[in-house]
Protein backbone atom coordinates (compact mmCIF):
# COMPACT_ATOMS: atom_id res chain seq x y z
CA MET A 1 0.00 0.00 0.00
CA SER A 2 1.43 3.35 -0.96
CA MET A 3 1.80 6.28 1.39
CA LYS A 4 -0.95 8.15 -0.48
CA GLN A 5 -3.35 5.24 0.02
CA THR A 6 -2.41 4.99 3.71
CA ILE A 7 -3.10 8.68 4.29
CA GLY A 8 -6.40 8.36 2.46
CA ALA A 9 -7.37 5.35 4.57
CA VAL A 10 -6.57 7.22 7.79
CA ALA A 11 -8.60 10.22 6.64
CA ALA A 12 -11.53 7.97 5.76
CA LEU A 13 -11.25 6.22 9.12
CA MET A 14 -11.37 9.55 10.93
CA MET A 15 -14.46 10.57 8.94
CA VAL A 16 -16.26 7.27 9.60
CA THR A 17 -15.56 7.27 13.33
CA GLY A 18 -16.52 10.93 13.61
CA THR A 19 -13.25 11.71 15.31
CA SER A 20 -12.66 15.38 15.89
CA PHE A 21 -10.48 17.36 18.20
CA ALA A 22 -13.30 19.40 19.74
CA ASP A 23 -16.94 18.66 20.38
CA ALA A 24 -19.88 20.96 19.59
CA SER A 25 -19.55 22.91 22.84
CA GLY A 26 -15.96 23.86 22.04
CA GLN A 27 -14.43 21.74 24.81
CA SER A 28 -11.38 19.66 24.01
CA ALA A 29 -11.86 15.94 23.37
CA GLY A 30 -9.39 14.86 26.05
CA LEU A 31 -6.15 12.95 25.81
CA PHE A 32 -7.70 9.63 24.75
CA GLY A 33 -9.89 11.26 22.10
CA THR A 34 -6.90 13.10 20.74
CA MET A 35 -4.61 10.06 20.69
CA LEU A 36 -7.15 7.57 19.29
CA PRO A 37 -6.71 8.61 15.62
CA LEU A 38 -2.91 8.40 15.96
CA ILE A 39 -3.13 4.95 17.51
CA LEU A 40 -5.52 3.76 14.80
CA ALA A 41 -3.29 5.23 12.08
CA PHE A 42 -0.21 3.46 13.46
CA ALA A 43 -2.09 0.15 13.76
CA LEU A 44 -3.32 0.47 10.18
CA PHE A 45 0.16 1.36 8.93
CA TYR A 46 1.67 -1.57 10.85
CA PHE A 47 -0.73 -4.17 9.45
CA MET A 48 -0.73 -2.78 5.90
CA ALA A 49 2.98 -1.94 5.41
CA ILE A 50 5.40 -3.00 8.13
CA ARG A 51 4.19 -6.52 8.89
CA PRO A 52 3.98 -7.78 5.27
CA GLN A 53 7.45 -6.39 4.49
CA THR A 54 9.05 -8.12 7.48
CA LYS A 55 7.34 -11.35 6.43
CA ARG A 56 8.77 -11.04 2.89
CA ASP A 57 12.23 -10.26 4.31
CA LYS A 58 12.10 -13.34 6.54
CA GLU A 59 11.04 -15.58 3.62
CA HIS A 60 13.84 -14.22 1.39
CA LYS A 61 16.44 -14.73 4.13
CA GLU A 62 15.26 -18.33 4.54
CA LEU A 63 15.41 -18.85 0.75
CA LEU A 64 19.01 -17.58 0.68
CA SER A 65 20.08 -19.79 3.59
CA ASN A 66 18.68 -22.90 1.84
CA LEU A 67 20.52 -22.35 -1.47
CA ALA A 68 22.70 -25.20 -2.68
CA ALA A 69 24.87 -25.95 -5.71
CA GLY A 70 22.70 -27.26 -8.54
CA ASP A 71 19.67 -25.13 -7.67
CA GLU A 72 18.07 -23.35 -10.60
CA VAL A 73 17.53 -19.68 -9.77
CA VAL A 74 16.29 -16.35 -11.09
CA THR A 75 18.27 -13.22 -10.23
CA ASN A 76 16.85 -9.79 -9.42
CA GLY A 77 17.89 -8.74 -12.92
CA GLY A 78 15.89 -11.56 -14.51
CA MET A 79 18.77 -13.89 -15.46
CA VAL A 80 18.02 -17.59 -15.18
CA GLY A 81 20.71 -20.13 -14.44
CA LYS A 82 22.02 -22.93 -12.29
CA ILE A 83 24.25 -22.42 -9.24
CA SER A 84 27.66 -23.96 -9.90
CA LYS A 85 29.69 -22.77 -6.88
CA MET A 86 28.89 -21.04 -3.61
CA SER A 87 30.75 -19.14 -0.91
CA ASP A 88 29.56 -17.24 2.14
CA ASN A 89 28.60 -14.03 0.31
CA PHE A 90 28.73 -14.94 -3.38
CA VAL A 91 27.30 -17.53 -5.77
CA HIS A 92 28.50 -18.50 -9.23
CA VAL A 93 25.56 -18.99 -11.59
CA SER A 94 26.00 -20.82 -14.88
CA VAL A 95 23.80 -19.01 -17.42
CA ALA A 96 25.09 -20.80 -20.54
CA SER A 97 27.61 -23.50 -21.33
CA GLY A 98 30.97 -22.12 -20.26
CA VAL A 99 29.51 -18.83 -18.97
CA ASP A 100 29.47 -18.32 -15.20
CA ILE A 101 28.59 -15.07 -13.47
CA LYS A 102 29.49 -14.18 -9.92
CA LEU A 103 26.66 -12.61 -7.88
CA GLN A 104 26.01 -11.65 -4.31
CA ARG A 105 23.62 -14.02 -2.56
CA GLN A 106 21.11 -11.21 -2.08
CA ALA A 107 20.80 -10.91 -5.89
CA ILE A 108 18.94 -14.25 -6.00
CA ALA A 109 15.22 -13.51 -6.27
CA ASN A 110 13.70 -16.97 -6.55
CA VAL A 111 14.49 -20.67 -6.78
CA LEU A 112 12.92 -22.48 -9.74
CA PRO A 113 11.71 -26.08 -9.77
CA LYS A 114 14.26 -28.65 -10.95
CA GLY A 115 14.32 -29.02 -14.74
CA SER A 116 13.21 -25.46 -15.49
CA VAL A 117 16.57 -24.51 -16.99
CA LYS A 118 17.36 -26.39 -20.18
CA ALA A 119 20.98 -27.37 -20.87
CA ASP A 120 22.60 -25.60 -23.83
């Protein structure tokens, strides 16, 4: 969800709940009435933006830790190949016969099912 959509959702939430910072008599709404929209906005932002991103980060970290030589992968740049060698921070991906490229582990976007990459 983009920032513009989040702001729009918070504004709509404030309109639906009738939240305002002063009632009809001109008295202030109190500390809880003032803080409620901020709390709701943070909760909405957390569940719509922060939580899904941390979940994706955790899944990608797990994917990178389970890489092994022979896995068929797709890089962030869209290259498809098979892992030929690995070290702690780098992987060598064979993209064609006799052509290996050296990439950082973080550049691996996805692991493909076995047999997806055809031998040249």
